[in-house]
Structure formats: structure tokens, C-alpha cells
Amino acid sequence: MARAGETPTPAYERGTELPYGAAAAANRRFTAIEEPPLPPEEEFKPATPQEAFLFSPTDRPNEPASHGAPFGPGADYTPYEYESDQDFLARVAGELDTPDASREVRDFVRRVRQGL
């Protein structure tokens, strides 16, 4: 196994012993084998609280890392934790209410504002 900064070398080379494609297949299988865990003295241990924060596991493993993050300008159609369904619909309707909106969108905005 190559360490950081080292170029990995294939475990098998074609040479004259292996038929065409067999070395590549063997190398793919070899890399798919799970490596044994590192001994405790070689495991990563954060040196500072900043490293511990950056490299710690997530508190929400079932959510995508980008959940709720506002990426650039545009509408955010993700319900916030604190808003009800009606609040969410009102926020989305407010973002969709533009002069160039289609008839269907204007109808949706009207229905939300009427509470339907």
C-alpha cells in the first residue's frame, strides 16, 4: 500500500506469465480487498481543537452535507426546521411571485395566499 506522497505500483504485471487483461483484472481485485485497520499508534489523532472539529464524523449521517445550505442566488425550496407547512408554502409562493411567472405559477401563488 502506497503512503501519502508515494506512487502506487501495481501488484501484478502482465509479463509473459499472464494472458492479456489478467493482470489488470488481478490488480482491480487486489485493490478491492479491504485493508486491515491501522495499529493504534498509526491512527490519525487531531492535534488541535480545529482539526478535531474539521475531521470529526457528522452529527447527522442521514442528511446530505449540503442540506439547507444556500448556494448562490436563487430560491431555497427546503423547509426549515422551525417553519410549518403553511409557512413553507407562503415562503415559496413569495419567491415564485414574479412579473414573468407563468399562469400556473400565478394560480398556485393565489391559492396559497387564499389559504387553499
PDB file of N, CA and C in Angstrom:
ATOM      1  N   MET A   1       0.850  -1.178   0.000  1.00  0.00           N
ATOM      2  CA  MET A   1       0.000   0.000   0.000  1.00  0.00           C
ATOM      3  C   MET A   1       0.885   1.226   0.000  1.00  0.00           C
ATOM      4  N   ALA A   2       0.632   2.131  -0.927  1.00  0.00           N
ATOM      5  CA  ALA A   2       1.415   3.356  -1.012  1.00  0.00           C
ATOM      6  C   ALA A   2       1.000   4.327   0.083  1.00  0.00           C
ATOM      7  N   ARG A   3       1.956   5.021   0.624  1.00  0.00           N
ATOM      8  CA  ARG A   3       1.711   6.056   1.640  1.00  0.00           C
ATOM      9  C   ARG A   3       1.524   7.393   0.927  1.00  0.00           C
ATOM     10  N   ALA A   4       1.142   8.396   1.675  1.00  0.00           N
ATOM     11  CA  ALA A   4       0.966   9.723   1.109  1.00  0.00           C
ATOM     12  C   ALA A   4       2.269  10.182   0.475  1.00  0.00           C
ATOM     13  N   GLY A   5       2.177  10.695  -0.732  1.00  0.00           N
ATOM     14  CA  GLY A   5       3.355  11.157  -1.446  1.00  0.00           C
ATOM     15  C   GLY A   5       4.046  10.089  -2.265  1.00  0.00           C
ATOM     16  N   GLU A   6       3.631   8.851  -2.162  1.00  0.00           N
ATOM     17  CA  GLU A   6       4.228   7.756  -2.935  1.00  0.00           C
ATOM     18  C   GLU A   6       3.284   7.356  -4.069  1.00  0.00           C
ATOM     19  N   THR A   7       3.857   6.957  -5.179  1.00  0.00           N
ATOM     20  CA  THR A   7       3.065   6.488  -6.296  1.00  0.00           C
ATOM     21  C   THR A   7       2.832   4.995  -6.139  1.00  0.00           C
ATOM     22  N   PRO A   8       1.573   4.539  -6.186  1.00  0.00           N
ATOM     23  CA  PRO A   8       1.341   3.103  -6.028  1.00  0.00           C
ATOM     24  C   PRO A   8       1.811   2.341  -7.262  1.00  0.00           C
ATOM     25  N   THR A   9       2.354   1.166  -7.025  1.00  0.00           N
ATOM     26  CA  THR A   9       2.759   0.308  -8.136  1.00  0.00           C
ATOM     27  C   THR A   9       1.802  -0.869  -8.188  1.00  0.00           C
ATOM     28  N   PRO A  10       1.517  -1.354  -9.397  1.00  0.00           N
ATOM     29  CA  PRO A  10       0.598  -2.488  -9.494  1.00  0.00           C
ATOM     30  C   PRO A  10       1.197  -3.733  -8.853  1.00  0.00           C
ATOM     31  N   ALA A  11       0.324  -4.532  -8.257  1.00  0.00           N
ATOM     32  CA  ALA A  11       0.783  -5.760  -7.610  1.00  0.00           C
ATOM     33  C   ALA A  11       1.176  -6.804  -8.652  1.00  0.00           C
ATOM     34  N   TYR A  12       0.504  -6.791  -9.791  1.00  0.00           N
ATOM     35  CA  TYR A  12       0.766  -7.771 -10.846  1.00  0.00           C
ATOM     36  C   TYR A  12       1.053  -7.038 -12.151  1.00  0.00           C
ATOM     37  N   GLU A  13       2.044  -7.547 -12.895  1.00  0.00           N
ATOM     38  CA  GLU A  13       2.335  -7.016 -14.219  1.00  0.00           C
ATOM     39  C   GLU A  13       2.173  -8.147 -15.224  1.00  0.00           C
ATOM     40  N   ARG A  14       1.826  -7.779 -16.453  1.00  0.00           N
ATOM     41  CA  ARG A  14       1.491  -8.787 -17.449  1.00  0.00           C
ATOM     42  C   ARG A  14       2.663  -9.727 -17.706  1.00  0.00           C
ATOM     43  N   GLY A  15       3.787  -9.206 -18.078  1.00  0.00           N
ATOM     44  CA  GLY A  15       4.938 -10.066 -18.352  1.00  0.00           C
ATOM     45  C   GLY A  15       4.599 -11.146 -19.369  1.00  0.00           C
ATOM     46  N   THR A  16       5.119 -12.335 -19.180  1.00  0.00           N
ATOM     47  CA  THR A  16       4.846 -13.447 -20.088  1.00  0.00           C
ATOM     48  C   THR A  16       3.993 -14.511 -19.428  1.00  0.00           C
ATOM     49  N   GLU A  17       3.759 -14.403 -18.108  1.00  0.00           N
ATOM     50  CA  GLU A  17       3.029 -15.455 -17.394  1.00  0.00           C
ATOM     51  C   GLU A  17       1.519 -15.298 -17.494  1.00  0.00           C
ATOM     52  N   LEU A  18       1.031 -14.068 -17.595  1.00  0.00           N
ATOM     53  CA  LEU A  18      -0.403 -13.821 -17.551  1.00  0.00           C
ATOM     54  C   LEU A  18      -0.937 -13.485 -18.939  1.00  0.00           C
ATOM     55  N   PRO A  19      -2.119 -13.991 -19.274  1.00  0.00           N
ATOM     56  CA  PRO A  19      -2.717 -13.620 -20.557  1.00  0.00           C
ATOM     57  C   PRO A  19      -3.164 -12.162 -20.546  1.00  0.00           C
ATOM     58  N   TYR A  20      -3.465 -11.637 -21.725  1.00  0.00           N
ATOM     59  CA  TYR A  20      -3.864 -10.233 -21.874  1.00  0.00           C
ATOM     60  C   TYR A  20      -5.099  -9.940 -21.018  1.00  0.00           C
ATOM     61  N   GLY A  21      -5.061  -8.887 -20.195  1.00  0.00           N
ATOM     62  CA  GLY A  21      -6.181  -8.485 -19.356  1.00  0.00           C
ATOM     63  C   GLY A  21      -6.200  -9.115 -17.985  1.00  0.00           C
ATOM     64  N   ALA A  22      -5.446 -10.188 -17.781  1.00  0.00           N
ATOM     65  CA  ALA A  22      -5.479 -10.874 -16.489  1.00  0.00           C
ATOM     66  C   ALA A  22      -4.787 -10.054 -15.402  1.00  0.00           C
ATOM     67  N   ALA A  23      -3.706  -9.355 -15.754  1.00  0.00           N
ATOM     68  CA  ALA A  23      -3.003  -8.544 -14.764  1.00  0.00           C
ATOM     69  C   ALA A  23      -3.882  -7.389 -14.297  1.00  0.00           C
ATOM     70  N   ALA A  24      -4.572  -6.737 -15.234  1.00  0.00           N
ATOM     71  CA  ALA A  24      -5.459  -5.625 -14.869  1.00  0.00           C
ATOM     72  C   ALA A  24      -6.596  -6.123 -13.977  1.00  0.00           C
ATOM     73  N   ALA A  25      -7.154  -7.286 -14.321  1.00  0.00           N
ATOM     74  CA  ALA A  25      -8.235  -7.844 -13.507  1.00  0.00           C
ATOM     75  C   ALA A  25      -7.732  -8.196 -12.111  1.00  0.00           C
ATOM     76  N   ALA A  26      -6.533  -8.770 -12.028  1.00  0.00           N
ATOM     77  CA  ALA A  26      -5.968  -9.127 -10.720  1.00  0.00           C
ATOM     78  C   ALA A  26      -5.688  -7.874  -9.896  1.00  0.00           C
ATOM     79  N   ASN A  27      -5.200  -6.812 -10.538  1.00  0.00           N
ATOM     80  CA  ASN A  27      -4.934  -5.566  -9.809  1.00  0.00           C
ATOM     81  C   ASN A  27      -6.227  -4.932  -9.312  1.00  0.00           C
ATOM     82  N   ARG A  28      -7.303  -5.026 -10.106  1.00  0.00           N
ATOM     83  CA  ARG A  28      -8.595  -4.494  -9.643  1.00  0.00           C
ATOM     84  C   ARG A  28      -9.080  -5.277  -8.424  1.00  0.00           C
ATOM     85  N   ARG A  29      -8.947  -6.604  -8.448  1.00  0.00           N
ATOM     86  CA  ARG A  29      -9.359  -7.408  -7.307  1.00  0.00           C
ATOM     87  C   ARG A  29      -8.484  -7.113  -6.087  1.00  0.00           C
ATOM     88  N   PHE A  30      -7.205  -6.920  -6.331  1.00  0.00           N
ATOM     89  CA  PHE A  30      -6.268  -6.659  -5.246  1.00  0.00           C
ATOM     90  C   PHE A  30      -6.608  -5.352  -4.540  1.00  0.00           C
ATOM     91  N   THR A  31      -6.973  -4.308  -5.298  1.00  0.00           N
ATOM     92  CA  THR A  31      -7.309  -3.025  -4.680  1.00  0.00           C
ATOM     93  C   THR A  31      -8.674  -3.076  -4.008  1.00  0.00           C
ATOM     94  N   ALA A  32      -9.535  -4.013  -4.393  1.00  0.00           N
ATOM     95  CA  ALA A  32     -10.859  -4.120  -3.783  1.00  0.00           C
ATOM     96  C   ALA A  32     -10.817  -4.829  -2.429  1.00  0.00           C
ATOM     97  N   ILE A  33      -9.711  -5.515  -2.135  1.00  0.00           N
ATOM     98  CA  ILE A  33      -9.591  -6.218  -0.864  1.00  0.00           C
ATOM     99  C   ILE A  33      -9.453  -5.183   0.249  1.00  0.00           C
ATOM    100  N   GLU A  34     -10.201  -5.371   1.290  1.00  0.00           N
ATOM    101  CA  GLU A  34     -10.172  -4.422   2.396  1.00  0.00           C
ATOM    102  C   GLU A  34      -8.852  -4.521   3.145  1.00  0.00           C
ATOM    103  N   GLU A  35      -8.296  -3.353   3.450  1.00  0.00           N
ATOM    104  CA  GLU A  35      -7.039  -3.327   4.184  1.00  0.00           C
ATOM    105  C   GLU A  35      -7.293  -3.552   5.670  1.00  0.00           C
ATOM    106  N   PRO A  36      -6.342  -4.132   6.362  1.00  0.00           N
ATOM    107  CA  PRO A  36      -6.518  -4.297   7.810  1.00  0.00           C
ATOM    108  C   PRO A  36      -6.466  -2.926   8.482  1.00  0.00           C
ATOM    109  N   PRO A  37      -7.093  -2.785   9.627  1.00  0.00           N
ATOM    110  CA  PRO A  37      -7.063  -1.484  10.316  1.00  0.00           C
ATOM    111  C   PRO A  37      -5.653  -1.126  10.759  1.00  0.00           C
ATOM    112  N   LEU A  38      -5.419   0.174  10.875  1.00  0.00           N
ATOM    113  CA  LEU A  38      -4.105   0.637  11.322  1.00  0.00           C
ATOM    114  C   LEU A  38      -3.917   0.328  12.800  1.00  0.00           C
ATOM    115  N   PRO A  39      -2.696   0.077  13.209  1.00  0.00           N
ATOM    116  CA  PRO A  39      -2.450  -0.091  14.642  1.00  0.00           C
ATOM    117  C   PRO A  39      -2.718   1.244  15.352  1.00  0.00           C
ATOM    118  N   PRO A  40      -3.055   1.212  16.634  1.00  0.00           N
ATOM    119  CA  PRO A  40      -3.430   2.442  17.351  1.00  0.00           C
ATOM    120  C   PRO A  40      -2.398   3.562  17.255  1.00  0.00           C
ATOM    121  N   GLU A  41      -1.114   3.217  17.211  1.00  0.00           N
ATOM    122  CA  GLU A  41      -0.091   4.270  17.169  1.00  0.00           C
ATOM    123  C   GLU A  41      -0.027   4.976  15.808  1.00  0.00           C
ATOM    124  N   GLU A  42      -0.597   4.364  14.756  1.00  0.00           N
ATOM    125  CA  GLU A  42      -0.585   4.986  13.430  1.00  0.00           C
ATOM    126  C   GLU A  42      -1.912   5.647  13.074  1.00  0.00           C
ATOM    127  N   GLU A  43      -2.934   5.503  13.885  1.00  0.00           N
ATOM    128  CA  GLU A  43      -4.226   6.130  13.600  1.00  0.00           C
ATOM    129  C   GLU A  43      -4.118   7.636  13.723  1.00  0.00           C
ATOM    130  N   PHE A  44      -4.940   8.347  12.953  1.00  0.00           N
ATOM    131  CA  PHE A  44      -4.937   9.816  13.000  1.00  0.00           C
ATOM    132  C   PHE A  44      -5.538  10.294  14.308  1.00  0.00           C
ATOM    133  N   LYS A  45      -4.820  11.190  14.944  1.00  0.00           N
ATOM    134  CA  LYS A  45      -5.322  11.829  16.161  1.00  0.00           C
ATOM    135  C   LYS A  45      -5.191  13.331  15.951  1.00  0.00           C
ATOM    136  N   PRO A  46      -6.300  14.069  16.068  1.00  0.00           N
ATOM    137  CA  PRO A  46      -6.222  15.513  15.842  1.00  0.00           C
ATOM    138  C   PRO A  46      -5.310  16.191  16.865  1.00  0.00           C
ATOM    139  N   ALA A  47      -4.519  17.141  16.379  1.00  0.00           N
ATOM    140  CA  ALA A  47      -3.568  17.827  17.247  1.00  0.00           C
ATOM    141  C   ALA A  47      -4.169  19.065  17.896  1.00  0.00           C
ATOM    142  N   THR A  48      -5.188  19.651  17.246  1.00  0.00           N
ATOM    143  CA  THR A  48      -5.798  20.876  17.768  1.00  0.00           C
ATOM    144  C   THR A  48      -7.310  20.713  17.792  1.00  0.00           C
ATOM    145  N   PRO A  49      -8.000  21.571  18.549  1.00  0.00           N
ATOM    146  CA  PRO A  49      -9.465  21.517  18.517  1.00  0.00           C
ATOM    147  C   PRO A  49     -10.027  21.796  17.124  1.00  0.00           C
ATOM    148  N   GLN A  50      -9.322  22.623  16.340  1.00  0.00           N
ATOM    149  CA  GLN A  50      -9.777  22.901  14.977  1.00  0.00           C
ATOM    150  C   GLN A  50      -9.725  21.636  14.119  1.00  0.00           C
ATOM    151  N   GLU A  51      -8.655  20.873  14.237  1.00  0.00           N
ATOM    152  CA  GLU A  51      -8.565  19.609  13.492  1.00  0.00           C
ATOM    153  C   GLU A  51      -9.634  18.632  13.951  1.00  0.00           C
ATOM    154  N   ALA A  52      -9.886  18.588  15.248  1.00  0.00           N
ATOM    155  CA  ALA A  52     -10.924  17.692  15.767  1.00  0.00           C
ATOM    156  C   ALA A  52     -12.280  18.073  15.201  1.00  0.00           C
ATOM    157  N   PHE A  53     -12.549  19.368  15.086  1.00  0.00           N
ATOM    158  CA  PHE A  53     -13.821  19.825  14.525  1.00  0.00           C
ATOM    159  C   PHE A  53     -13.912  19.500  13.039  1.00  0.00           C
ATOM    160  N   LEU A  54     -12.840  19.769  12.295  1.00  0.00           N
ATOM    161  CA  LEU A  54     -12.860  19.568  10.849  1.00  0.00           C
ATOM    162  C   LEU A  54     -12.965  18.106  10.446  1.00  0.00           C
ATOM    163  N   PHE A  55     -12.306  17.223  11.153  1.00  0.00           N
ATOM    164  CA  PHE A  55     -12.223  15.832  10.735  1.00  0.00           C
ATOM    165  C   PHE A  55     -13.085  14.890  11.560  1.00  0.00           C
ATOM    166  N   SER A  56     -13.957  15.418  12.390  1.00  0.00           N
ATOM    167  CA  SER A  56     -14.832  14.553  13.180  1.00  0.00           C
ATOM    168  C   SER A  56     -15.985  14.049  12.314  1.00  0.00           C
ATOM    169  N   PRO A  57     -16.610  12.925  12.675  1.00  0.00           N
ATOM    170  CA  PRO A  57     -17.753  12.433  11.905  1.00  0.00           C
ATOM    171  C   PRO A  57     -18.942  13.380  12.052  1.00  0.00           C
ATOM    172  N   THR A  58     -19.852  13.290  11.123  1.00  0.00           N
ATOM    173  CA  THR A  58     -21.011  14.171  11.122  1.00  0.00           C
ATOM    174  C   THR A  58     -21.989  13.828  12.245  1.00  0.00           C
ATOM    175  N   ASP A  59     -22.703  14.848  12.707  1.00  0.00           N
ATOM    176  CA  ASP A  59     -23.744  14.630  13.711  1.00  0.00           C
ATOM    177  C   ASP A  59     -25.046  14.182  13.071  1.00  0.00           C
ATOM    178  N   ARG A  60     -25.150  14.343  11.745  1.00  0.00           N
ATOM    179  CA  ARG A  60     -26.371  13.988  11.016  1.00  0.00           C
ATOM    180  C   ARG A  60     -26.021  13.115   9.807  1.00  0.00           C
ATOM    181  N   PRO A  61     -25.742  11.839  10.037  1.00  0.00           N
ATOM    182  CA  PRO A  61     -25.291  10.988   8.927  1.00  0.00           C
ATOM    183  C   PRO A  61     -26.369  10.714   7.880  1.00  0.00           C
ATOM    184  N   ASN A  62     -27.641  10.928   8.192  1.00  0.00           N
ATOM    185  CA  ASN A  62     -28.699  10.635   7.230  1.00  0.00           C
ATOM    186  C   ASN A  62     -29.057  11.824   6.350  1.00  0.00           C
ATOM    187  N   GLU A  63     -28.392  12.968   6.539  1.00  0.00           N
ATOM    188  CA  GLU A  63     -28.659  14.152   5.724  1.00  0.00           C
ATOM    189  C   GLU A  63     -27.498  14.394   4.778  1.00  0.00           C
ATOM    190  N   PRO A  64     -27.769  14.904   3.577  1.00  0.00           N
ATOM    191  CA  PRO A  64     -26.657  15.281   2.704  1.00  0.00           C
ATOM    192  C   PRO A  64     -25.872  16.440   3.331  1.00  0.00           C
ATOM    193  N   ALA A  65     -24.614  16.537   3.011  1.00  0.00           N
ATOM    194  CA  ALA A  65     -23.773  17.589   3.594  1.00  0.00           C
ATOM    195  C   ALA A  65     -24.265  18.970   3.203  1.00  0.00           C
ATOM    196  N   SER A  66     -24.939  19.093   2.081  1.00  0.00           N
ATOM    197  CA  SER A  66     -25.384  20.398   1.597  1.00  0.00           C
ATOM    198  C   SER A  66     -26.821  20.724   2.001  1.00  0.00           C
ATOM    199  N   HIS A  67     -27.436  19.932   2.864  1.00  0.00           N
ATOM    200  CA  HIS A  67     -28.834  20.138   3.222  1.00  0.00           C
ATOM    201  C   HIS A  67     -29.048  21.514   3.839  1.00  0.00           C
ATOM    202  N   GLY A  68     -29.928  22.303   3.219  1.00  0.00           N
ATOM    203  CA  GLY A  68     -30.288  23.611   3.752  1.00  0.00           C
ATOM    204  C   GLY A  68     -29.272  24.706   3.505  1.00  0.00           C
ATOM    205  N   ALA A  69     -28.170  24.401   2.840  1.00  0.00           N
ATOM    206  CA  ALA A  69     -27.162  25.422   2.588  1.00  0.00           C
ATOM    207  C   ALA A  69     -27.592  26.297   1.415  1.00  0.00           C
ATOM    208  N   PRO A  70     -27.536  27.604   1.570  1.00  0.00           N
ATOM    209  CA  PRO A  70     -27.942  28.485   0.478  1.00  0.00           C
ATOM    210  C   PRO A  70     -26.797  28.668  -0.518  1.00  0.00           C
ATOM    211  N   PHE A  71     -26.795  27.921  -1.600  1.00  0.00           N
ATOM    212  CA  PHE A  71     -25.752  28.013  -2.608  1.00  0.00           C
ATOM    213  C   PHE A  71     -26.125  29.054  -3.642  1.00  0.00           C
ATOM    214  N   GLY A  72     -25.532  30.210  -3.540  1.00  0.00           N
ATOM    215  CA  GLY A  72     -25.707  31.257  -4.533  1.00  0.00           C
ATOM    216  C   GLY A  72     -27.106  31.835  -4.535  1.00  0.00           C
ATOM    217  N   PRO A  73     -27.365  32.731  -5.475  1.00  0.00           N
ATOM    218  CA  PRO A  73     -28.686  33.343  -5.555  1.00  0.00           C
ATOM    219  C   PRO A  73     -29.707  32.339  -6.064  1.00  0.00           C
ATOM    220  N   GLY A  74     -30.936  32.562  -5.735  1.00  0.00           N
ATOM    221  CA  GLY A  74     -31.996  31.684  -6.208  1.00  0.00           C
ATOM    222  C   GLY A  74     -32.864  31.226  -5.066  1.00  0.00           C
ATOM    223  N   ALA A  75     -33.913  30.545  -5.438  1.00  0.00           N
ATOM    224  CA  ALA A  75     -34.893  30.097  -4.456  1.00  0.00           C
ATOM    225  C   ALA A  75     -34.336  28.945  -3.632  1.00  0.00           C
ATOM    226  N   ASP A  76     -34.766  28.888  -2.391  1.00  0.00           N
ATOM    227  CA  ASP A  76     -34.386  27.804  -1.488  1.00  0.00           C
ATOM    228  C   ASP A  76     -35.665  27.061  -1.118  1.00  0.00           C
ATOM    229  N   TYR A  77     -35.916  25.935  -1.769  1.00  0.00           N
ATOM    230  CA  TYR A  77     -37.160  25.199  -1.552  1.00  0.00           C
ATOM    231  C   TYR A  77     -36.965  24.055  -0.577  1.00  0.00           C
ATOM    232  N   THR A  78     -36.257  24.328   0.505  1.00  0.00           N
ATOM    233  CA  THR A  78     -36.059  23.362   1.563  1.00  0.00           C
ATOM    234  C   THR A  78     -36.773  23.883   2.800  1.00  0.00           C
ATOM    235  N   PRO A  79     -37.710  23.122   3.357  1.00  0.00           N
ATOM    236  CA  PRO A  79     -38.390  23.625   4.560  1.00  0.00           C
ATOM    237  C   PRO A  79     -37.422  23.703   5.731  1.00  0.00           C
ATOM    238  N   TYR A  80     -37.482  24.816   6.437  1.00  0.00           N
ATOM    239  CA  TYR A  80     -36.654  24.983   7.618  1.00  0.00           C
ATOM    240  C   TYR A  80     -37.275  24.205   8.768  1.00  0.00           C
ATOM    241  N   GLU A  81     -36.466  23.867   9.762  1.00  0.00           N
ATOM    242  CA  GLU A  81     -36.949  23.066  10.887  1.00  0.00           C
ATOM    243  C   GLU A  81     -38.031  23.787  11.683  1.00  0.00           C
ATOM    244  N   TYR A  82     -37.955  25.099  11.722  1.00  0.00           N
ATOM    245  CA  TYR A  82     -38.861  25.858  12.582  1.00  0.00           C
ATOM    246  C   TYR A  82     -40.155  26.280  11.889  1.00  0.00           C
ATOM    247  N   GLU A  83     -40.299  26.054  10.574  1.00  0.00           N
ATOM    248  CA  GLU A  83     -41.496  26.545   9.903  1.00  0.00           C
ATOM    249  C   GLU A  83     -42.501  25.426   9.648  1.00  0.00           C
ATOM    250  N   SER A  84     -43.770  25.801   9.734  1.00  0.00           N
ATOM    251  CA  SER A  84     -44.844  24.840   9.480  1.00  0.00           C
ATOM    252  C   SER A  84     -45.010  24.674   7.970  1.00  0.00           C
ATOM    253  N   ASP A  85     -45.867  23.741   7.567  1.00  0.00           N
ATOM    254  CA  ASP A  85     -46.127  23.530   6.148  1.00  0.00           C
ATOM    255  C   ASP A  85     -46.696  24.790   5.502  1.00  0.00           C
ATOM    256  N   GLN A  86     -47.604  25.471   6.207  1.00  0.00           N
ATOM    257  CA  GLN A  86     -48.201  26.703   5.669  1.00  0.00           C
ATOM    258  C   GLN A  86     -47.155  27.802   5.537  1.00  0.00           C
ATOM    259  N   ASP A  87     -46.265  27.926   6.527  1.00  0.00           N
ATOM    260  CA  ASP A  87     -45.196  28.926   6.449  1.00  0.00           C
ATOM    261  C   ASP A  87     -44.272  28.633   5.274  1.00  0.00           C
ATOM    262  N   PHE A  88     -43.966  27.360   5.071  1.00  0.00           N
ATOM    263  CA  PHE A  88     -43.108  26.963   3.956  1.00  0.00           C
ATOM    264  C   PHE A  88     -43.768  27.311   2.625  1.00  0.00           C
ATOM    265  N   LEU A  89     -45.056  26.963   2.472  1.00  0.00           N
ATOM    266  CA  LEU A  89     -45.760  27.282   1.232  1.00  0.00           C
ATOM    267  C   LEU A  89     -45.823  28.787   1.000  1.00  0.00           C
ATOM    268  N   ALA A  90     -46.043  29.563   2.049  1.00  0.00           N
ATOM    269  CA  ALA A  90     -46.096  31.019   1.908  1.00  0.00           C
ATOM    270  C   ALA A  90     -44.745  31.574   1.470  1.00  0.00           C
ATOM    271  N   ARG A  91     -43.668  31.030   2.010  1.00  0.00           N
ATOM    272  CA  ARG A  91     -42.323  31.485   1.621  1.00  0.00           C
ATOM    273  C   ARG A  91     -42.032  31.148   0.168  1.00  0.00           C
ATOM    274  N   VAL A  92     -42.369  29.932  -0.245  1.00  0.00           N
ATOM    275  CA  VAL A  92     -42.141  29.524  -1.633  1.00  0.00           C
ATOM    276  C   VAL A  92     -42.995  30.361  -2.574  1.00  0.00           C
ATOM    277  N   ALA A  93     -44.250  30.597  -2.216  1.00  0.00           N
ATOM    278  CA  ALA A  93     -45.127  31.405  -3.059  1.00  0.00           C
ATOM    279  C   ALA A  93     -44.579  32.819  -3.200  1.00  0.00           C
ATOM    280  N   GLY A  94     -44.040  33.367  -2.118  1.00  0.00           N
ATOM    281  CA  GLY A  94     -43.458  34.703  -2.190  1.00  0.00           C
ATOM    282  C   GLY A  94     -42.250  34.761  -3.114  1.00  0.00           C
ATOM    283  N   GLU A  95     -41.451  33.690  -3.132  1.00  0.00           N
ATOM    284  CA  GLU A  95     -40.281  33.652  -4.017  1.00  0.00           C
ATOM    285  C   GLU A  95     -40.680  33.443  -5.471  1.00  0.00           C
ATOM    286  N   LEU A  96     -41.789  32.753  -5.701  1.00  0.00           N
ATOM    287  CA  LEU A  96     -42.233  32.482  -7.079  1.00  0.00           C
ATOM    288  C   LEU A  96     -43.043  33.623  -7.682  1.00  0.00           C
ATOM    289  N   ASP A  97     -43.512  34.543  -6.855  1.00  0.00           N
ATOM    290  CA  ASP A  97     -44.371  35.623  -7.322  1.00  0.00           C
ATOM    291  C   ASP A  97     -43.532  36.692  -8.021  1.00  0.00           C
ATOM    292  N   THR A  98     -43.292  36.497  -9.309  1.00  0.00           N
ATOM    293  CA  THR A  98     -42.522  37.436 -10.123  1.00  0.00           C
ATOM    294  C   THR A  98     -43.371  37.879 -11.305  1.00  0.00           C
ATOM    295  N   PRO A  99     -43.059  39.020 -11.911  1.00  0.00           N
ATOM    296  CA  PRO A  99     -43.854  39.508 -13.043  1.00  0.00           C
ATOM    297  C   PRO A  99     -43.846  38.562 -14.243  1.00  0.00           C
ATOM    298  N   ASP A 100     -42.798  37.807 -14.426  1.00  0.00           N
ATOM    299  CA  ASP A 100     -42.716  36.922 -15.591  1.00  0.00           C
ATOM    300  C   ASP A 100     -43.147  35.480 -15.285  1.00  0.00           C
ATOM    301  N   ALA A 101     -43.820  35.256 -14.159  1.00  0.00           N
ATOM    302  CA  ALA A 101     -44.264  33.906 -13.793  1.00  0.00           C
ATOM    303  C   ALA A 101     -45.360  33.423 -14.742  1.00  0.00           C
ATOM    304  N   SER A 102     -45.416  32.126 -14.958  1.00  0.00           N
ATOM    305  CA  SER A 102     -46.433  31.553 -15.840  1.00  0.00           C
ATOM    306  C   SER A 102     -47.807  31.599 -15.162  1.00  0.00           C
ATOM    307  N   ARG A 103     -48.837  31.327 -15.942  1.00  0.00           N
ATOM    308  CA  ARG A 103     -50.200  31.349 -15.416  1.00  0.00           C
ATOM    309  C   ARG A 103     -50.378  30.310 -14.315  1.00  0.00           C
ATOM    310  N   GLU A 104     -49.795  29.131 -14.485  1.00  0.00           N
ATOM    311  CA  GLU A 104     -49.906  28.074 -13.481  1.00  0.00           C
ATOM    312  C   GLU A 104     -49.269  28.500 -12.160  1.00  0.00           C
ATOM    313  N   VAL A 105     -48.108  29.158 -12.244  1.00  0.00           N
ATOM    314  CA  VAL A 105     -47.430  29.607 -11.031  1.00  0.00           C
ATOM    315  C   VAL A 105     -48.250  30.707 -10.356  1.00  0.00           C
ATOM    316  N   ARG A 106     -48.780  31.630 -11.128  1.00  0.00           N
ATOM    317  CA  ARG A 106     -49.615  32.690 -10.542  1.00  0.00           C
ATOM    318  C   ARG A 106     -50.844  32.088  -9.867  1.00  0.00           C
ATOM    319  N   ASP A 107     -51.445  31.058 -10.467  1.00  0.00           N
ATOM    320  CA  ASP A 107     -52.597  30.382  -9.849  1.00  0.00           C
ATOM    321  C   ASP A 107     -52.188  29.719  -8.525  1.00  0.00           C
ATOM    322  N   PHE A 108     -51.022  29.093  -8.496  1.00  0.00           N
ATOM    323  CA  PHE A 108     -50.523  28.465  -7.277  1.00  0.00           C
ATOM    324  C   PHE A 108     -50.343  29.521  -6.181  1.00  0.00           C
ATOM    325  N   VAL A 109     -49.712  30.642  -6.525  1.00  0.00           N
ATOM    326  CA  VAL A 109     -49.483  31.713  -5.552  1.00  0.00           C
ATOM    327  C   VAL A 109     -50.805  32.238  -5.017  1.00  0.00           C
ATOM    328  N   ARG A 110     -51.786  32.411  -5.906  1.00  0.00           N
ATOM    329  CA  ARG A 110     -53.109  32.907  -5.481  1.00  0.00           C
ATOM    330  C   ARG A 110     -53.756  31.924  -4.519  1.00  0.00           C
ATOM    331  N   ARG A 111     -53.714  30.615  -4.826  1.00  0.00           N
ATOM    332  CA  ARG A 111     -54.326  29.616  -3.946  1.00  0.00           C
ATOM    333  C   ARG A 111     -53.655  29.573  -2.574  1.00  0.00           C
ATOM    334  N   VAL A 112     -52.338  29.691  -2.555  1.00  0.00           N
ATOM    335  CA  VAL A 112     -51.624  29.680  -1.274  1.00  0.00           C
ATOM    336  C   VAL A 112     -52.013  30.900  -0.456  1.00  0.00           C
ATOM    337  N   ARG A 113     -52.083  32.040  -1.094  1.00  0.00           N
ATOM    338  CA  ARG A 113     -52.420  33.272  -0.365  1.00  0.00           C
ATOM    339  C   ARG A 113     -53.865  33.268   0.123  1.00  0.00           C
ATOM    340  N   GLN A 114     -54.737  32.535  -0.567  1.00  0.00           N
ATOM    341  CA  GLN A 114     -56.133  32.426  -0.126  1.00  0.00           C
ATOM    342  C   GLN A 114     -56.301  31.336   0.932  1.00  0.00           C
ATOM    343  N   GLY A 115     -55.239  30.560   1.157  1.00  0.00           N
ATOM    344  CA  GLY A 115     -55.302  29.513   2.167  1.00  0.00           C
ATOM    345  C   GLY A 115     -55.920  28.223   1.675  1.00  0.00           C
ATOM    346  N   LEU A 116     -55.913  28.005   0.380  1.00  0.00           N
ATOM    347  CA  LEU A 116     -56.500  26.781  -0.184  1.00  0.00           C
ATOM    348  C   LEU A 116     -55.489  25.673  -0.293  1.00  0.00           C
TER     349      LEU A 116
END
